N, C-alpha and C. Protein backbone atom coordinates (compact mmCIF):
# COMPACT_ATOMS: atom_id res chain seq x y z
N MET A 1 -34.14 -22.14 39.55
CA MET A 1 -34.30 -23.01 39.48
C MET A 1 -32.35 -23.53 38.18
N ALA A 2 -32.25 -24.93 39.18
CA ALA A 2 -30.90 -25.25 37.82
C ALA A 2 -31.18 -25.43 36.84
N ARG A 3 -30.50 -25.04 36.35
CA ARG A 3 -29.66 -24.99 34.85
C ARG A 3 -29.55 -26.41 34.31
N PRO A 4 -30.59 -26.57 32.79
CA PRO A 4 -30.24 -28.09 32.28
C PRO A 4 -29.23 -28.89 32.31
N ALA A 5 -28.48 -29.79 32.80
CA ALA A 5 -27.71 -30.22 32.53
C ALA A 5 -26.70 -30.37 31.04
N THR A 6 -25.30 -29.97 30.79
CA THR A 6 -25.03 -29.48 29.85
C THR A 6 -24.36 -31.09 29.49
N PRO A 7 -25.38 -31.46 27.98
CA PRO A 7 -24.82 -32.74 27.57
C PRO A 7 -23.51 -33.27 27.18
N SER A 8 -22.30 -34.40 27.15
CA SER A 8 -21.38 -34.05 26.69
C SER A 8 -21.68 -34.44 25.94
N PRO A 9 -20.14 -34.25 24.73
CA PRO A 9 -20.23 -33.92 23.11
C PRO A 9 -20.81 -35.41 23.00
N SER A 10 -20.65 -35.98 22.69
CA SER A 10 -21.31 -38.12 22.92
C SER A 10 -22.44 -37.71 22.90
N PHE A 11 -23.66 -37.03 23.51
CA PHE A 11 -24.71 -37.08 24.11
C PHE A 11 -25.07 -35.97 22.96
N ASP A 12 -26.34 -37.23 22.13
CA ASP A 12 -27.55 -36.87 21.14
C ASP A 12 -29.01 -37.00 22.31
N PRO A 13 -29.16 -35.06 22.79
CA PRO A 13 -30.38 -35.74 23.22
C PRO A 13 -31.45 -35.81 22.23
N LEU A 14 -31.78 -35.86 20.70
CA LEU A 14 -32.76 -36.01 20.41
C LEU A 14 -32.46 -37.45 18.61
N ARG A 15 -31.14 -38.70 19.61
CA ARG A 15 -31.09 -39.49 18.94
C ARG A 15 -32.37 -40.62 18.96
N THR A 16 -32.73 -41.08 17.62
CA THR A 16 -33.70 -41.73 18.34
C THR A 16 -33.27 -43.57 17.66
N GLY A 17 -31.95 -43.56 18.34
CA GLY A 17 -31.70 -45.39 17.72
C GLY A 17 -30.56 -45.26 16.32
N PRO A 18 -30.72 -46.50 16.53
CA PRO A 18 -28.87 -46.91 15.64
C PRO A 18 -29.68 -46.03 14.34
N ALA A 19 -28.25 -45.71 13.73
CA ALA A 19 -28.63 -44.71 12.18
C ALA A 19 -29.96 -44.07 12.18
N SER A 20 -29.76 -43.12 13.23
CA SER A 20 -30.78 -42.01 13.12
C SER A 20 -30.67 -40.84 12.36
N PRO A 21 -31.22 -40.02 11.63
CA PRO A 21 -31.06 -39.20 10.94
C PRO A 21 -31.14 -37.96 11.89
N ALA A 22 -31.82 -37.99 12.91
CA ALA A 22 -32.08 -36.95 13.93
C ALA A 22 -30.68 -36.66 14.56
N SER A 23 -30.04 -37.65 14.54
CA SER A 23 -28.81 -37.92 15.38
C SER A 23 -27.68 -37.64 13.96
N GLY A 24 -28.05 -37.36 12.93
CA GLY A 24 -27.04 -37.45 11.47
C GLY A 24 -26.19 -38.18 11.59
N ARG A 25 -26.55 -39.38 11.87
CA ARG A 25 -25.11 -40.99 11.65
C ARG A 25 -25.97 -41.03 10.38
N GLY A 26 -26.78 -41.25 9.66
CA GLY A 26 -27.49 -41.80 8.71
C GLY A 26 -28.91 -42.29 9.16
N GLY A 27 -29.29 -42.96 7.74
CA GLY A 27 -30.43 -44.15 8.17
C GLY A 27 -31.77 -42.84 7.96
N ALA A 28 -31.37 -42.21 7.24
CA ALA A 28 -32.87 -41.25 6.70
C ALA A 28 -33.75 -41.96 6.25
N THR A 29 -34.91 -41.50 6.45
CA THR A 29 -36.19 -41.78 6.72
C THR A 29 -37.42 -41.06 6.24
N PRO A 30 -37.72 -41.44 4.77
CA PRO A 30 -38.47 -40.65 3.90
C PRO A 30 -39.46 -39.98 4.43
N SER A 31 -39.80 -38.23 4.39
CA SER A 31 -40.43 -36.93 4.72
C SER A 31 -41.89 -37.70 5.18
N PRO A 32 -42.51 -37.46 5.84
CA PRO A 32 -43.81 -37.43 5.85
C PRO A 32 -44.82 -36.14 4.64
N HIS A 33 -43.88 -34.95 4.92
CA HIS A 33 -44.19 -33.84 4.41
C HIS A 33 -43.42 -33.19 2.98
N GLY A 34 -42.63 -34.47 2.21
CA GLY A 34 -42.41 -33.85 1.02
C GLY A 34 -41.15 -33.43 0.95
N GLY A 35 -40.06 -34.20 1.80
CA GLY A 35 -38.77 -33.83 0.75
C GLY A 35 -37.98 -32.70 1.79
N GLU A 36 -36.89 -32.34 1.57
CA GLU A 36 -36.14 -31.61 2.73
C GLU A 36 -36.65 -30.44 2.51
N GLY A 37 -37.36 -29.77 1.72
CA GLY A 37 -37.69 -28.17 1.82
C GLY A 37 -36.73 -27.02 1.40
N ARG A 38 -36.21 -27.58 0.35
CA ARG A 38 -35.24 -26.39 0.37
C ARG A 38 -36.04 -25.76 -0.79
N GLY A 39 -35.91 -24.41 -0.68
CA GLY A 39 -36.79 -23.22 -1.94
C GLY A 39 -38.12 -23.02 -1.03
N GLU A 40 -38.26 -23.94 0.53
CA GLU A 40 -40.01 -23.79 0.59
C GLU A 40 -40.27 -22.65 1.66
N GLY A 41 -41.37 -21.83 1.61
CA GLY A 41 -41.49 -20.55 2.29
C GLY A 41 -41.40 -20.54 3.76
N ARG A 42 -40.99 -19.41 4.34
CA ARG A 42 -41.77 -19.88 5.93
C ARG A 42 -42.82 -20.36 6.24
N ALA A 43 -42.97 -21.57 7.33
CA ALA A 43 -44.06 -21.64 7.65
C ALA A 43 -44.72 -21.37 8.95
N THR A 44 -45.91 -21.32 8.96
CA THR A 44 -46.66 -20.99 10.32
C THR A 44 -46.18 -22.09 11.39
N LEU A 45 -46.05 -21.10 12.60
CA LEU A 45 -45.47 -21.33 13.95
C LEU A 45 -46.33 -23.01 14.11
N ASP A 46 -47.59 -22.97 14.08
CA ASP A 46 -48.50 -23.97 14.33
C ASP A 46 -48.36 -25.17 13.68
N GLU A 47 -47.84 -24.99 11.55
CA GLU A 47 -47.15 -26.22 11.00
C GLU A 47 -46.23 -26.14 11.39
N ARG A 48 -45.14 -26.25 11.60
CA ARG A 48 -43.98 -26.33 12.37
C ARG A 48 -43.39 -27.25 13.34
N VAL A 49 -44.77 -26.56 14.53
CA VAL A 49 -44.32 -27.46 15.52
C VAL A 49 -45.08 -28.81 15.28
N ARG A 50 -46.38 -28.84 14.82
CA ARG A 50 -47.45 -30.07 14.52
C ARG A 50 -46.73 -30.99 13.35
N HIS A 51 -45.37 -30.56 12.88
CA HIS A 51 -44.67 -31.38 11.27
C HIS A 51 -43.43 -31.96 12.89
N LEU A 52 -42.52 -31.35 13.30
CA LEU A 52 -42.06 -31.54 14.27
C LEU A 52 -42.51 -33.50 15.27
N VAL A 53 -43.79 -32.95 15.85
CA VAL A 53 -44.52 -33.90 16.76
C VAL A 53 -44.95 -35.29 16.03
N ASP A 54 -45.14 -34.72 15.10
CA ASP A 54 -45.66 -36.30 13.65
C ASP A 54 -44.39 -36.73 13.69
N PHE A 55 -43.07 -36.63 13.09
CA PHE A 55 -42.54 -36.61 13.08
C PHE A 55 -41.94 -37.46 14.63
N TYR A 56 -41.84 -37.10 15.27
CA TYR A 56 -41.07 -37.60 16.72
C TYR A 56 -42.06 -38.84 17.01
N ARG A 57 -43.53 -39.02 16.74
CA ARG A 57 -44.48 -40.04 16.77
C ARG A 57 -44.16 -41.04 15.87
N HIS A 58 -43.46 -40.71 14.46
CA HIS A 58 -42.71 -42.11 13.46
C HIS A 58 -41.95 -42.62 14.25
N VAL A 59 -41.21 -41.74 14.58
CA VAL A 59 -39.90 -42.18 15.31
C VAL A 59 -40.47 -43.58 16.57
N GLN A 60 -41.21 -43.24 17.08
CA GLN A 60 -41.50 -43.84 18.08
C GLN A 60 -42.43 -45.03 18.17
N THR A 61 -43.35 -44.83 16.79
CA THR A 61 -44.08 -45.71 16.44
C THR A 61 -42.87 -46.84 15.31
N GLU A 62 -42.32 -46.29 14.74
CA GLU A 62 -41.76 -47.22 13.62
C GLU A 62 -40.14 -47.74 14.49
N ARG A 63 -39.46 -47.01 15.11
CA ARG A 63 -37.91 -47.06 15.11
C ARG A 63 -37.35 -47.42 16.92
N MET A 64 -38.79 -47.46 17.72
CA MET A 64 -38.69 -47.20 19.24
C MET A 64 -39.14 -48.67 19.61
N GLN A 65 -40.22 -49.32 18.99
CA GLN A 65 -40.95 -49.72 19.86
C GLN A 65 -39.74 -51.40 20.67
N GLY A 66 -39.94 -51.55 21.86
CA GLY A 66 -39.19 -53.22 22.35
C GLY A 66 -37.93 -52.02 22.85
N ILE A 67 -37.53 -50.91 22.66
CA ILE A 67 -36.57 -50.61 23.23
C ILE A 67 -36.72 -49.79 24.63
N PRO A 68 -36.22 -50.98 26.30
CA PRO A 68 -35.69 -50.28 26.68
C PRO A 68 -36.57 -49.05 27.66
N ILE A 69 -35.84 -47.82 26.63
CA ILE A 69 -35.50 -46.62 26.95
C ILE A 69 -36.40 -46.30 26.68
N LEU A 70 -37.85 -46.45 26.64
CA LEU A 70 -39.15 -45.60 26.52
C LEU A 70 -39.85 -45.94 27.71
N ASN A 71 -40.20 -44.90 28.15
CA ASN A 71 -41.42 -44.61 29.29
C ASN A 71 -43.07 -45.05 28.45
N PRO A 72 -44.17 -46.29 28.65
CA PRO A 72 -45.08 -46.39 27.77
C PRO A 72 -46.07 -45.63 29.23
N ALA A 73 -45.60 -44.28 29.54
CA ALA A 73 -47.02 -43.98 30.55
C ALA A 73 -46.76 -42.62 29.75
N LEU A 74 -45.96 -42.23 28.50
CA LEU A 74 -45.83 -40.97 28.19
C LEU A 74 -45.86 -41.08 26.76
N CYS A 75 -45.84 -39.63 25.67
CA CYS A 75 -46.31 -39.76 24.40
C CYS A 75 -45.63 -38.59 24.03
N VAL A 76 -45.77 -37.92 23.10
CA VAL A 76 -44.73 -37.34 22.23
C VAL A 76 -45.64 -35.79 22.22
N GLU A 77 -45.47 -34.77 23.03
CA GLU A 77 -45.95 -33.76 23.21
C GLU A 77 -45.01 -32.46 23.01
N ALA A 78 -45.62 -31.34 22.58
CA ALA A 78 -44.83 -30.25 22.28
C ALA A 78 -45.45 -29.09 23.20
N VAL A 79 -44.68 -28.86 24.11
CA VAL A 79 -45.08 -27.79 25.40
C VAL A 79 -44.94 -26.18 25.21
N GLY A 80 -45.92 -25.25 24.87
CA GLY A 80 -45.24 -23.68 25.20
C GLY A 80 -44.37 -23.54 24.05
N PHE A 81 -44.52 -24.09 22.42
CA PHE A 81 -43.83 -23.19 21.82
C PHE A 81 -44.37 -21.69 21.15
N ARG A 82 -43.20 -21.30 20.89
CA ARG A 82 -44.06 -19.35 20.37
C ARG A 82 -42.58 -18.99 19.88
N ALA A 83 -43.03 -17.90 19.20
CA ALA A 83 -41.50 -17.25 18.06
C ALA A 83 -41.12 -16.68 19.67
N ALA A 84 -39.35 -16.66 19.06
CA ALA A 84 -38.97 -16.07 19.80
C ALA A 84 -37.96 -15.33 19.50
N GLU A 85 -38.37 -13.88 20.85
CA GLU A 85 -37.18 -12.69 20.67
C GLU A 85 -36.10 -13.03 20.00
N ASP A 86 -35.54 -13.25 18.72
CA ASP A 86 -34.19 -13.49 17.90
C ASP A 86 -33.97 -12.48 17.00
N GLU A 87 -33.03 -12.65 16.58
CA GLU A 87 -33.09 -12.38 15.10
C GLU A 87 -33.64 -13.47 14.37
N GLU A 88 -33.55 -14.33 13.91
CA GLU A 88 -33.48 -15.50 13.21
C GLU A 88 -35.20 -16.08 13.85
N ALA A 89 -36.13 -16.21 12.58
CA ALA A 89 -37.15 -16.55 13.07
C ALA A 89 -37.17 -17.95 13.63
N VAL A 90 -37.55 -18.15 14.63
CA VAL A 90 -37.50 -19.35 15.56
C VAL A 90 -38.54 -19.86 16.44
N ALA A 91 -39.21 -21.35 16.28
CA ALA A 91 -40.21 -21.20 17.62
C ALA A 91 -38.85 -22.33 18.96
N GLU A 92 -39.91 -21.30 19.90
CA GLU A 92 -39.02 -22.45 21.24
C GLU A 92 -39.68 -22.74 21.98
N GLY A 93 -39.87 -24.00 22.27
CA GLY A 93 -40.82 -24.86 23.27
C GLY A 93 -40.19 -25.93 24.26
N VAL A 94 -40.79 -26.82 24.49
CA VAL A 94 -40.32 -28.36 25.28
C VAL A 94 -41.14 -29.27 24.21
N LEU A 95 -40.00 -30.12 23.92
CA LEU A 95 -40.35 -31.55 23.33
C LEU A 95 -40.16 -32.19 24.50
N ILE A 96 -41.62 -33.10 24.52
CA ILE A 96 -41.67 -33.95 25.37
C ILE A 96 -41.76 -35.80 24.54
N THR A 97 -41.20 -36.62 24.97
CA THR A 97 -41.07 -38.16 24.23
C THR A 97 -41.08 -38.92 25.37
N PRO A 98 -41.56 -40.48 24.66
CA PRO A 98 -41.16 -41.04 26.08
C PRO A 98 -39.56 -41.65 26.30
N TRP A 99 -38.84 -40.73 25.53
CA TRP A 99 -37.27 -41.26 26.00
C TRP A 99 -36.55 -40.09 26.34
N PHE A 100 -37.10 -39.03 26.15
CA PHE A 100 -36.23 -37.64 26.66
C PHE A 100 -37.17 -36.46 26.98
N MET A 101 -36.96 -34.92 27.48
CA MET A 101 -37.29 -34.39 27.34
C MET A 101 -36.65 -33.06 27.49
N SER A 102 -36.36 -32.19 26.28
CA SER A 102 -35.51 -30.87 25.69
C SER A 102 -36.42 -29.71 25.62
N LEU A 103 -35.80 -28.66 25.61
CA LEU A 103 -35.55 -27.33 24.95
C LEU A 103 -36.04 -27.77 23.72
N VAL A 104 -36.09 -27.07 22.87
CA VAL A 104 -35.77 -26.89 21.31
C VAL A 104 -36.38 -25.57 20.25
N ARG A 105 -35.16 -25.64 19.59
CA ARG A 105 -35.44 -24.11 19.07
C ARG A 105 -35.66 -24.68 17.30
N LEU A 106 -36.63 -24.70 16.58
CA LEU A 106 -36.97 -25.37 15.39
C LEU A 106 -36.97 -23.66 14.95
N PRO A 107 -36.04 -23.43 13.71
CA PRO A 107 -36.41 -22.73 12.70
C PRO A 107 -37.63 -23.11 11.56
N LEU A 108 -38.34 -21.27 11.61
CA LEU A 108 -39.90 -21.89 10.96
C LEU A 108 -40.00 -21.58 9.75
N ALA A 109 -38.10 -21.59 8.47
CA ALA A 109 -38.78 -22.63 7.41
C ALA A 109 -37.32 -23.87 7.69
N VAL A 110 -37.68 -24.51 7.22
CA VAL A 110 -36.93 -25.63 7.04
C VAL A 110 -35.22 -25.53 6.28
N GLN A 111 -34.34 -25.55 6.96
CA GLN A 111 -32.87 -25.90 6.61
C GLN A 111 -32.21 -26.98 6.37
N ASP A 112 -31.17 -26.87 5.48
CA ASP A 112 -30.06 -28.12 5.38
C ASP A 112 -29.26 -27.71 7.22
N HIS A 113 -28.75 -29.26 7.00
CA HIS A 113 -28.07 -28.80 8.11
C HIS A 113 -26.69 -28.26 8.85
N ALA A 114 -25.67 -27.70 7.13
CA ALA A 114 -24.89 -26.96 6.86
C ALA A 114 -24.02 -27.83 7.59
N GLY A 115 -23.98 -29.08 8.42
CA GLY A 115 -22.26 -29.33 9.16
C GLY A 115 -22.79 -28.95 10.54
N ARG A 116 -24.13 -28.90 10.64
CA ARG A 116 -24.37 -27.96 12.42
C ARG A 116 -24.72 -29.49 13.34
N VAL A 117 -25.17 -30.74 12.44
CA VAL A 117 -25.66 -31.69 13.28
C VAL A 117 -24.74 -32.58 14.53
N ALA A 118 -24.82 -32.25 15.94
CA ALA A 118 -24.19 -32.44 16.42
C ALA A 118 -23.31 -31.46 17.77
N ARG A 119 -23.42 -30.20 16.76
CA ARG A 119 -22.33 -29.04 17.35
C ARG A 119 -23.15 -28.34 18.73
N LYS A 120 -22.23 -28.26 19.55
CA LYS A 120 -23.03 -27.25 20.76
C LYS A 120 -22.95 -25.41 19.91
N ALA A 121 -23.93 -24.84 20.39
CA ALA A 121 -24.24 -23.11 20.28
C ALA A 121 -24.34 -22.59 21.83
N VAL A 122 -24.00 -21.96 22.46
CA VAL A 122 -24.63 -21.27 23.29
C VAL A 122 -25.73 -20.10 23.03
N ARG A 123 -27.04 -20.70 23.09
CA ARG A 123 -28.29 -19.42 22.92
C ARG A 123 -28.84 -18.95 24.16
N GLY A 124 -30.09 -17.95 23.59
CA GLY A 124 -30.34 -17.45 25.33
C GLY A 124 -31.83 -18.66 24.37
N PHE A 125 -32.11 -18.51 25.24
CA PHE A 125 -33.85 -19.12 25.33
C PHE A 125 -34.47 -18.41 27.24
N GLY A 126 -35.28 -17.54 26.47
CA GLY A 126 -36.09 -16.70 27.40
C GLY A 126 -34.85 -15.74 28.24
N ASN A 127 -34.85 -16.07 29.95
CA ASN A 127 -34.13 -14.50 30.48
C ASN A 127 -32.97 -15.54 31.07
N GLU A 128 -32.76 -16.71 30.07
CA GLU A 128 -31.14 -18.21 31.01
C GLU A 128 -30.45 -18.15 29.18
N ARG A 129 -29.37 -18.95 29.10
CA ARG A 129 -28.42 -18.93 27.97
C ARG A 129 -28.33 -20.69 28.41
N PHE A 130 -27.92 -21.55 27.39
CA PHE A 130 -27.99 -22.82 27.47
C PHE A 130 -27.08 -23.57 25.81
N ASP A 131 -26.53 -24.63 26.30
CA ASP A 131 -25.57 -24.87 25.38
C ASP A 131 -26.81 -26.10 24.39
N PHE A 132 -26.66 -25.69 23.03
CA PHE A 132 -27.64 -26.72 22.58
C PHE A 132 -27.35 -27.08 21.16
N ILE A 133 -27.33 -28.26 21.02
CA ILE A 133 -26.70 -28.69 19.83
C ILE A 133 -28.00 -29.26 18.44
N GLY A 134 -27.22 -29.08 17.40
CA GLY A 134 -27.70 -29.42 16.57
C GLY A 134 -28.06 -30.58 15.85
N ALA A 135 -29.28 -30.27 15.38
CA ALA A 135 -29.71 -31.88 14.98
C ALA A 135 -30.48 -31.94 13.51
N HIS A 136 -31.03 -33.34 12.35
CA HIS A 136 -31.60 -32.31 11.68
C HIS A 136 -31.82 -33.65 11.28
N ASP A 137 -33.43 -33.73 10.41
CA ASP A 137 -33.66 -34.66 10.29
C ASP A 137 -34.53 -34.41 8.81
N PRO A 138 -34.67 -35.44 7.50
CA PRO A 138 -35.29 -34.56 6.49
C PRO A 138 -36.82 -34.15 6.16
N ALA A 139 -37.18 -34.66 7.21
CA ALA A 139 -38.43 -34.21 7.79
C ALA A 139 -38.99 -32.84 8.60
N VAL A 140 -38.14 -32.44 9.38
CA VAL A 140 -38.11 -31.37 9.99
C VAL A 140 -37.09 -30.57 9.45
N GLY A 141 -35.88 -30.94 9.03
CA GLY A 141 -34.95 -29.94 8.52
C GLY A 141 -34.02 -29.91 10.34
N PHE A 142 -33.24 -28.72 10.25
CA PHE A 142 -31.99 -28.28 10.78
C PHE A 142 -32.61 -27.98 12.11
N HIS A 143 -32.63 -28.26 13.39
CA HIS A 143 -33.11 -27.49 15.10
C HIS A 143 -32.15 -28.20 16.14
N GLU A 144 -32.48 -26.95 16.83
CA GLU A 144 -31.23 -27.71 18.09
C GLU A 144 -32.05 -27.70 19.70
N ALA A 145 -31.27 -28.29 19.85
CA ALA A 145 -31.83 -28.88 21.72
C ALA A 145 -31.16 -29.02 22.11
N CYS A 146 -31.82 -28.87 23.69
CA CYS A 146 -30.68 -28.94 25.10
C CYS A 146 -31.70 -30.06 26.05
N ALA A 147 -31.09 -30.98 25.90
CA ALA A 147 -31.51 -31.66 27.17
C ALA A 147 -31.83 -31.51 28.51
N LEU A 148 -33.38 -31.75 29.33
CA LEU A 148 -33.38 -31.18 29.69
C LEU A 148 -33.94 -33.11 30.86
N PHE A 149 -34.02 -33.40 30.70
CA PHE A 149 -34.38 -35.29 31.49
C PHE A 149 -34.04 -36.13 30.47
N SER A 150 -33.87 -37.11 30.07
CA SER A 150 -32.96 -38.70 29.18
C SER A 150 -32.52 -39.59 30.21
N PRO A 151 -32.85 -40.08 30.85
CA PRO A 151 -34.74 -41.11 30.14
C PRO A 151 -35.61 -40.33 31.05
N MET A 152 -36.23 -40.92 30.95
CA MET A 152 -38.16 -40.47 31.20
C MET A 152 -38.41 -41.22 31.89
N ALA A 153 -37.88 -42.08 32.67
CA ALA A 153 -38.16 -43.30 34.06
C ALA A 153 -39.30 -42.62 35.13
N ASP A 154 -38.25 -41.96 35.63
CA ASP A 154 -38.96 -41.17 36.77
C ASP A 154 -40.50 -40.32 37.01
N PHE A 155 -41.26 -39.49 35.41
CA PHE A 155 -42.29 -39.72 35.37
C PHE A 155 -43.42 -40.54 35.58
N ARG A 156 -44.31 -40.81 36.30
CA ARG A 156 -45.29 -41.39 36.30
C ARG A 156 -46.48 -41.27 35.23
N SER A 157 -46.74 -40.10 34.87
CA SER A 157 -47.85 -40.00 33.71
C SER A 157 -47.39 -38.77 32.48
N GLN A 158 -47.64 -38.19 31.80
CA GLN A 158 -47.95 -37.24 30.50
C GLN A 158 -48.27 -36.05 31.15
N ALA A 159 -49.56 -36.50 32.15
CA ALA A 159 -49.36 -34.90 33.27
C ALA A 159 -48.07 -34.45 33.86
N GLN A 160 -48.04 -35.28 34.52
CA GLN A 160 -46.77 -35.10 35.48
C GLN A 160 -45.91 -34.05 34.17
N ALA A 161 -45.38 -35.24 33.65
CA ALA A 161 -44.43 -34.55 32.53
C ALA A 161 -44.75 -33.50 31.43
N ARG A 162 -45.79 -33.20 31.56
CA ARG A 162 -46.22 -31.62 31.34
C ARG A 162 -46.54 -30.79 31.91
N GLU A 163 -46.53 -30.88 33.42
CA GLU A 163 -46.92 -29.73 34.45
C GLU A 163 -45.13 -29.45 34.43
N THR A 164 -44.31 -30.58 34.69
CA THR A 164 -43.09 -30.15 34.68
C THR A 164 -42.08 -28.80 33.78
N ALA A 165 -42.66 -29.70 31.87
CA ALA A 165 -42.35 -28.14 30.80
C ALA A 165 -43.09 -27.32 31.24
N GLU A 166 -44.00 -26.74 31.92
CA GLU A 166 -44.82 -26.04 32.10
C GLU A 166 -44.11 -24.74 33.08
N ALA A 167 -43.15 -25.20 34.12
CA ALA A 167 -42.75 -24.96 35.32
C ALA A 167 -41.28 -25.01 34.58
N VAL A 168 -40.92 -26.01 33.87
CA VAL A 168 -39.44 -24.91 33.17
C VAL A 168 -39.48 -23.47 32.17
N LEU A 169 -40.61 -23.66 31.83
CA LEU A 169 -40.89 -22.37 30.30
C LEU A 169 -40.91 -21.43 31.30
N ALA A 170 -41.72 -21.62 32.74
CA ALA A 170 -42.56 -20.63 33.74
C ALA A 170 -41.44 -19.81 34.51
N GLU A 171 -39.69 -20.28 34.66
CA GLU A 171 -39.16 -20.00 35.48
C GLU A 171 -38.35 -18.94 33.98
N LEU A 172 -38.13 -19.67 32.88
CA LEU A 172 -36.84 -19.44 32.12
C LEU A 172 -37.56 -18.24 31.07
N ARG A 173 -38.84 -17.89 31.15
CA ARG A 173 -39.44 -16.16 30.86
C ARG A 173 -40.54 -16.15 31.47
N PRO A 174 -39.92 -14.97 32.12
CA PRO A 174 -40.53 -14.14 32.97
C PRO A 174 -41.83 -13.11 32.25
N ALA A 175 -42.58 -13.06 33.81
CA ALA A 175 -44.54 -12.47 32.67
C ALA A 175 -43.90 -11.45 32.60
N PRO A 176 -44.50 -10.99 32.07
CA PRO A 176 -44.79 -9.60 31.29
C PRO A 176 -44.83 -8.35 32.68
N VAL A 177 -44.22 -7.60 32.81
CA VAL A 177 -44.17 -6.36 33.45
C VAL A 177 -45.44 -5.69 33.44
N PRO A 178 -46.29 -5.34 33.57
CA PRO A 178 -47.82 -4.59 33.17
C PRO A 178 -47.01 -3.49 33.08
N ALA A 179 -47.91 -2.10 31.79
CA ALA A 179 -47.22 -0.74 32.10
C ALA A 179 -48.36 -0.02 32.85
N PRO A 180 -47.52 0.66 33.58
CA PRO A 180 -48.25 1.45 34.28
C PRO A 180 -49.44 2.15 34.09
N GLU A 181 -50.21 2.66 34.90
CA GLU A 181 -51.45 3.02 34.48
C GLU A 181 -50.86 4.69 34.56
N PRO A 182 -51.93 5.28 33.41
CA PRO A 182 -51.21 7.05 33.42
C PRO A 182 -52.48 7.49 34.97
N SER A 183 -51.29 7.81 35.75
CA SER A 183 -52.57 8.91 36.51
C SER A 183 -53.34 10.10 36.23
N PRO A 184 -55.07 10.03 36.98
CA PRO A 184 -55.59 10.89 36.84
C PRO A 184 -55.70 11.92 36.30
N VAL A 185 -55.91 12.90 35.64
CA VAL A 185 -55.69 14.03 35.15
C VAL A 185 -57.07 14.73 35.39
N ALA A 186 -56.68 15.44 36.75
CA ALA A 186 -58.09 16.46 37.37
C ALA A 186 -58.86 17.13 36.47
N GLU A 187 -59.70 17.45 36.25
CA GLU A 187 -60.15 18.28 35.18
C GLU A 187 -59.95 19.99 35.81
N PRO A 188 -59.98 20.66 34.47
CA PRO A 188 -59.81 21.91 34.85
C PRO A 188 -61.21 22.58 35.52
N LEU A 189 -61.35 23.17 36.24
CA LEU A 189 -62.02 24.04 37.02
C LEU A 189 -62.66 25.24 36.35
N PRO A 190 -64.17 25.28 35.87
CA PRO A 190 -64.07 26.35 35.06
C PRO A 190 -63.98 27.95 35.80
N ALA A 191 -63.38 29.14 34.89
CA ALA A 191 -62.55 30.13 35.32
C ALA A 191 -63.18 30.45 36.83
N ARG A 192 -65.01 30.97 36.36
CA ARG A 192 -65.40 31.40 37.49
C ARG A 192 -65.12 30.91 39.23
N ARG A 193 -65.28 29.43 38.77
CA ARG A 193 -65.17 28.61 39.83
C ARG A 193 -63.73 28.74 40.43
N ALA A 194 -63.29 28.57 39.90
CA ALA A 194 -61.33 28.84 39.58
C ALA A 194 -61.26 29.78 41.14
N PHE A 195 -61.68 30.88 40.27
CA PHE A 195 -61.45 32.75 40.89
C PHE A 195 -61.84 32.61 42.59
N LEU A 196 -63.30 31.98 42.59
CA LEU A 196 -63.45 31.56 43.99
C LEU A 196 -62.98 30.99 45.05
N MET A 197 -62.34 30.13 44.16
CA MET A 197 -61.75 28.84 44.83
C MET A 197 -60.60 29.33 45.84
N ALA A 198 -59.83 30.29 44.81
CA ALA A 198 -58.53 31.22 45.14
C ALA A 198 -58.89 32.37 45.78
N ARG A 199 -60.19 33.15 46.06
CA ARG A 199 -60.61 33.79 47.08
C ARG A 199 -60.84 33.51 48.37
N ARG A 200 -61.42 31.95 48.20
CA ARG A 200 -61.74 31.59 49.65
C ARG A 200 -60.64 31.43 50.82
N PRO A 201 -61.37 31.72 52.43
CA PRO A 201 -60.24 31.89 53.16
C PRO A 201 -59.87 30.65 53.66
N ALA A 202 -58.68 30.42 53.77
CA ALA A 202 -58.42 28.68 54.25
C ALA A 202 -59.17 28.58 55.73
N THR A 203 -59.60 27.36 55.87
CA THR A 203 -60.35 26.74 56.96
C THR A 203 -59.20 27.03 58.05
N THR A 204 -59.39 27.70 59.60
CA THR A 204 -58.54 27.84 60.76
C THR A 204 -58.90 26.74 61.73
N GLY A 205 -60.16 26.20 61.70
CA GLY A 205 -60.39 25.58 63.06
C GLY A 205 -60.93 26.49 63.74
N ALA A 206 -60.77 27.80 63.79
CA ALA A 206 -61.35 28.14 64.98
C ALA A 206 -62.66 28.60 64.48
N THR A 207 -63.22 29.11 65.98
CA THR A 207 -65.24 29.37 66.21
C THR A 207 -65.16 30.74 65.76
N PRO A 208 -66.00 31.08 65.42
CA PRO A 208 -66.02 32.32 65.14
C PRO A 208 -67.11 33.09 66.38
């Protein structure tokens, strides 16, 4: 599978329009989940992914209406998010929106941007490594994305976009190798039978 194109330094895969908080360019939107989350404990993976989806649905309905880049056949959907095998507690998956599709790394604890917005960092994702760009919004905190598609005009349906996301994840996440089945262990022969077997003459095929 071809690697996702590395975005240029000026490209923000999560940009949501002028003065977008997701792009770190101002225009903050009140969080539907109660503020920045400093000091909040680690949320469950499902909760964090739901907050991510809710936020981008809010962006679509409140800030993206009438913008030609939107594909009306698509909606916001998270595909295949699961805990990453990483030192940091993050969820990884694909985020589909009507204006982009990206690999996303979402920390399970809401984090401040800490100056990481629009900065690139090489991250492992499955069996590959890609350039991820930092993004931040008070609704979801800091997260990182690697653009797969933007814009989304070539997708005819949500099902097609979802199948593409699933195919990307299948390519990046090798199937687990099944553990080898243990070899059958022969039951020990009773002592008398073993003795008789040892004494039995080998069959030579000759007719007595």
